[in-house]
Amino acid sequence: MSDSTSARAGRERRRDGSGTRRTALVVHTVADVAAAFLGLWILLHLLEANHANVFVQFVQDVADALAWWSQDVFTMDTENLRVLLDYGLPAVVYLLAGHGIAARLRRF
């Protein structure tokens, strides 16, 4: 393959948007994983999982780090409803924002 042919092939590869599609996939996946951790923590809390368990503590720590900005937005008397809303809101926001950004990236 000559130098001009390989240079042309490199330009064509860059123009096909594969990097943009990969970036969209990464954004989409990160949003899904974040929402999954938040949903898992809600489920573990509602099922009254053992908070002394290492796995449960790990999931709670990750969920707390992801939902730091929405803590105590809702002040409900019921603990389960408060956890559902305080961790459910960021899960929905991450899903909407991540999927929206990924969709915009795929259009390019």
Protein backbone atom coordinates (compact mmCIF):
# COMPACT_ATOMS: atom_id res chain seq x y z
CA MET A 1 0.00 0.00 0.00
CA SER A 2 1.45 3.38 -0.94
CA ASP A 3 1.74 6.29 1.46
CA SER A 4 -1.05 8.23 -0.26
CA THR A 5 -3.38 5.22 -0.12
CA SER A 6 -2.77 4.65 3.59
CA ALA A 7 -3.20 8.37 4.33
CA ARG A 8 -6.49 8.36 2.40
CA ALA A 9 -7.67 5.26 4.30
CA GLY A 10 -6.79 6.97 7.61
CA ARG A 11 -8.81 10.05 6.69
CA GLU A 12 -11.77 7.90 5.65
CA ARG A 13 -11.66 6.00 8.96
CA ARG A 14 -11.70 9.25 10.90
CA ARG A 15 -14.65 10.58 8.94
CA ASP A 16 -16.88 7.58 9.51
CA GLY A 17 -17.65 8.74 13.07
CA SER A 18 -16.42 5.61 14.80
CA GLY A 19 -14.73 7.68 17.51
CA THR A 20 -17.92 9.62 18.08
CA ARG A 21 -19.94 6.41 18.24
CA ARG A 22 -17.51 4.95 20.75
CA THR A 23 -17.73 8.08 22.87
CA ALA A 24 -21.53 7.88 22.73
CA LEU A 25 -21.36 4.24 23.81
CA VAL A 26 -19.09 5.13 26.75
CA VAL A 27 -21.40 7.96 27.88
CA HIS A 28 -24.43 5.69 27.50
CA THR A 29 -22.77 2.88 29.48
CA VAL A 30 -21.52 5.14 32.29
CA ALA A 31 -25.03 6.56 32.72
CA ASP A 32 -26.51 3.05 32.83
CA VAL A 33 -23.95 1.84 35.39
CA ALA A 34 -24.55 4.89 37.60
CA ALA A 35 -28.31 4.37 37.46
CA ALA A 36 -27.84 0.64 38.16
CA PHE A 37 -25.83 1.35 41.34
CA LEU A 38 -28.47 3.81 42.52
CA GLY A 39 -31.28 1.37 41.75
CA LEU A 40 -29.42 -1.45 43.45
CA TRP A 41 -28.98 0.64 46.59
CA ILE A 42 -32.69 1.50 46.62
CA LEU A 43 -33.52 -2.19 46.29
CA LEU A 44 -31.07 -3.23 49.02
CA HIS A 45 -32.42 -0.56 51.36
CA LEU A 46 -36.06 -1.46 50.73
CA LEU A 47 -35.28 -5.14 51.29
CA GLU A 48 -33.50 -4.23 54.55
CA ALA A 49 -30.15 -5.69 53.54
CA ASN A 50 -27.50 -6.13 56.22
CA HIS A 51 -25.63 -2.79 56.38
CA ALA A 52 -22.64 -4.53 57.98
CA ASN A 53 -22.10 -6.59 54.81
CA VAL A 54 -19.12 -5.44 52.72
CA PHE A 55 -21.04 -5.60 49.43
CA VAL A 56 -23.96 -3.61 50.81
CA GLN A 57 -21.55 -1.01 52.23
CA PHE A 58 -19.79 -0.76 48.84
CA VAL A 59 -23.06 -0.25 46.97
CA GLN A 60 -24.17 2.36 49.51
CA ASP A 61 -20.85 4.22 49.28
CA VAL A 62 -21.03 4.31 45.47
CA ALA A 63 -24.67 5.39 45.56
CA ASP A 64 -23.87 8.12 48.11
CA ALA A 65 -21.05 9.40 45.90
CA LEU A 66 -23.33 9.47 42.85
CA ALA A 67 -26.26 11.07 44.67
CA TRP A 68 -24.38 13.61 46.81
CA TRP A 69 -26.15 16.50 45.09
CA SER A 70 -29.65 15.20 45.74
CA GLN A 71 -29.32 14.17 49.38
CA ASP A 72 -32.11 15.54 51.57
CA VAL A 73 -33.93 17.16 48.67
CA PHE A 74 -37.01 15.39 49.93
CA THR A 75 -37.78 15.39 53.64
CA MET A 76 -40.32 12.63 54.03
CA ASP A 77 -41.38 11.06 57.30
CA THR A 78 -41.11 7.60 55.79
CA GLU A 79 -37.47 6.49 55.47
CA ASN A 80 -38.14 4.15 52.53
CA LEU A 81 -39.89 6.85 50.53
CA ARG A 82 -37.10 9.32 51.27
CA VAL A 83 -34.44 6.87 50.05
CA LEU A 84 -36.52 6.06 46.97
CA LEU A 85 -36.81 9.74 46.05
CA ASP A 86 -33.30 10.86 47.11
CA TYR A 87 -31.62 8.11 45.08
CA GLY A 88 -34.27 7.66 42.38
CA LEU A 89 -34.06 11.28 41.22
CA PRO A 90 -30.35 11.14 40.36
CA ALA A 91 -30.85 7.74 38.69
CA VAL A 92 -33.46 9.26 36.37
CA VAL A 93 -31.32 12.36 35.78
CA TYR A 94 -28.26 10.25 34.92
CA LEU A 95 -30.29 8.11 32.53
CA LEU A 96 -31.92 11.06 30.79
CA ALA A 97 -28.72 13.10 30.56
CA GLY A 98 -26.50 10.18 29.55
CA HIS A 99 -28.85 8.84 26.92
CA GLY A 100 -29.58 12.33 25.63
CA ILE A 101 -25.88 13.19 25.27
CA ALA A 102 -25.21 9.82 23.63
CA ALA A 103 -28.05 10.36 21.16
CA ARG A 104 -26.68 13.80 20.25
CA LEU A 105 -23.20 12.36 19.75
CA ARG A 106 -24.51 9.64 17.45
CA ARG A 107 -26.07 12.27 15.16
CA PHE A 108 -22.67 13.68 14.26
